[in-house]
Protein backbone atom coordinates (compact mmCIF):
# COMPACT_ATOMS: atom_id res chain seq x y z
CA MET A 1 123.35 71.94 104.59
CA ARG A 2 122.88 73.23 101.05
CA LYS A 3 121.65 76.61 102.34
CA LYS A 4 124.73 77.03 104.53
CA THR A 5 127.03 76.15 101.65
CA ILE A 6 125.37 78.58 99.25
CA PHE A 7 125.36 81.28 101.94
CA GLY A 8 129.08 80.74 102.55
CA LEU A 9 129.82 80.89 98.83
CA ALA A 10 127.76 84.07 98.47
CA VAL A 11 129.53 85.78 101.37
CA CYS A 12 132.96 84.75 100.07
CA TRP A 13 132.09 85.88 96.54
CA THR A 14 130.89 89.25 97.85
CA ALA A 15 134.13 89.71 99.78
CA LEU A 16 136.21 88.61 96.79
CA ILE A 17 134.56 91.22 94.58
CA GLY A 18 135.34 93.93 97.12
CA VAL A 19 138.95 92.88 97.58
CA LEU A 20 139.72 92.44 93.89
CA CYS A 21 138.05 95.71 92.93
CA LEU A 22 139.83 97.76 95.58
CA MET A 23 143.30 96.28 95.77
CA LYS A 24 146.30 97.52 93.83
CA PHE A 25 147.60 95.18 91.18
CA GLY A 26 151.27 95.88 90.63
CA GLU A 27 153.08 93.84 88.08
CA LEU A 28 150.31 91.63 86.74
CA PRO A 29 150.63 90.51 83.15
CA THR A 30 148.51 92.46 80.69
CA VAL A 31 145.65 90.69 78.96
CA HIS A 32 145.26 91.99 75.42
CA VAL A 33 141.48 91.70 75.17
CA SER A 34 139.54 94.87 74.58
CA GLY A 35 137.31 95.65 77.54
CA VAL A 36 138.39 92.59 79.53
CA ASP A 37 137.60 94.40 82.78
CA LYS A 38 133.97 94.75 81.66
CA TYR A 39 133.74 90.97 81.23
CA VAL A 40 135.14 90.61 84.73
CA HIS A 41 132.55 93.02 86.14
CA PHE A 42 129.78 91.21 84.26
CA THR A 43 130.94 87.87 85.69
CA PHE A 44 131.34 89.24 89.22
CA HIS A 45 127.76 90.47 89.34
CA PHE A 46 126.25 87.59 87.40
CA VAL A 47 127.65 85.14 89.96
CA PHE A 48 126.78 87.50 92.84
CA THR A 49 123.14 87.61 91.75
CA MET A 50 122.98 83.87 91.08
CA LEU A 51 124.44 82.93 94.47
CA TRP A 52 122.44 85.38 96.59
CA GLY A 53 119.29 84.75 94.55
CA TYR A 54 119.60 81.00 94.93
CA TYR A 55 120.30 81.33 98.64
CA LEU A 56 117.19 83.48 99.13
CA TRP A 57 115.09 81.01 97.15
CA LEU A 58 116.31 78.24 99.42
CA GLU A 59 115.73 80.39 102.50
CA GLN A 60 112.21 81.40 101.45
CA ASP A 61 111.43 77.95 100.03
CA LYS A 62 109.76 79.46 96.98
CA THR A 63 110.67 80.86 93.59
CA ASP A 64 109.80 84.53 93.95
CA LEU A 65 111.23 86.76 91.25
CA LYS A 66 110.70 89.83 93.46
CA LEU A 67 113.51 88.49 95.64
CA ILE A 68 115.81 88.22 92.63
CA VAL A 69 114.97 91.77 91.56
CA LYS A 70 115.92 92.89 95.08
CA VAL A 71 119.21 90.99 94.75
CA LEU A 72 119.78 92.70 91.39
CA LEU A 73 119.28 96.09 93.06
CA ILE A 74 121.64 95.11 95.88
CA SER A 75 124.21 93.99 93.31
CA LEU A 76 123.87 97.30 91.50
CA SER A 77 124.20 99.24 94.77
CA TYR A 78 127.24 97.21 95.80
CA GLY A 79 128.87 97.87 92.44
CA ILE A 80 128.19 101.61 92.73
CA LEU A 81 129.61 101.61 96.27
CA ILE A 82 132.77 99.91 95.04
CA GLU A 83 133.15 102.43 92.20
CA PHE A 84 132.75 105.25 94.74
CA LEU A 85 135.37 103.66 97.00
CA GLN A 86 137.73 103.19 94.06
CA GLU A 87 137.48 106.88 93.26
CA THR A 88 137.74 108.17 96.82
CA CYS A 89 139.86 105.64 98.71
CA THR A 90 142.44 104.39 96.22
CA THR A 91 145.10 106.08 94.15
CA THR A 92 145.36 103.37 91.52
CA ARG A 93 141.68 102.70 90.73
CA HIS A 94 139.06 105.07 89.38
CA ALA A 95 135.27 105.02 89.08
CA ASP A 96 133.90 104.08 85.67
CA ILE A 97 130.24 104.28 84.67
CA PHE A 98 130.83 101.49 82.15
CA ASP A 99 131.86 99.21 85.03
CA VAL A 100 128.49 99.95 86.64
CA LEU A 101 126.74 99.13 83.35
CA ALA A 102 128.68 95.86 83.10
CA ASN A 103 127.68 95.06 86.69
CA LEU A 104 124.04 95.75 85.89
CA THR A 105 124.21 93.67 82.72
CA GLY A 106 125.65 90.70 84.62
CA ALA A 107 123.00 90.95 87.34
CA ALA A 108 120.25 91.31 84.70
CA ALA A 109 121.54 88.22 82.87
CA ALA A 110 121.26 86.28 86.14
CA LEU A 111 117.70 87.58 86.58
CA PHE A 112 116.93 86.37 83.06
CA PHE A 113 118.18 82.87 83.97
CA PHE A 114 115.97 82.88 87.07
CA ILE A 115 112.97 83.88 84.92
CA LEU A 116 113.70 81.02 82.51
CA TYR A 117 114.03 78.60 85.41
CA LYS A 118 110.75 79.74 86.95
CA LYS A 119 108.90 79.42 83.61
CA ARG A 120 110.34 75.96 83.08
CA LYS A 121 109.39 74.92 86.61
CA GLU A 122 105.85 76.27 86.17
CA SER A 123 105.41 74.51 82.83
CA LYS A 124 106.44 71.20 84.44
CA ILE A 125 103.85 71.73 87.18
CA GLN A 126 101.13 72.46 84.62
CA SER A 127 101.95 69.46 82.43
CA PRO A 128 103.24 66.69 84.72
CA ASN A 129 102.97 64.03 81.99
CA SER A 130 105.83 65.46 79.92
């Protein structure tokens, strides 16, 4: 059941990123925080990598960081695809290399959390008395 739930969340999150990054926002209130869209991109791809990475760990039944690196690369590719689509298929959105960097930073932060988790898990296995 947990795998299906995580898979559903990952699919929905992936779709949400695509929709929010490609749709036109008309009269939304302005947020006066410098670079707020970069925080949004970071968060999108951090959560993307966490959800898909966790799902794959559940699916494979092991903690393999190579899988998470693959998810990071997929996240990066998805972000680049969205930037391309913004530039070519919309009139109100434009590609931005700094969005791609924010995407990569978010995915890399998720990878870092997976590395910490794996090290913690391995240290518990090595010292079961703690």
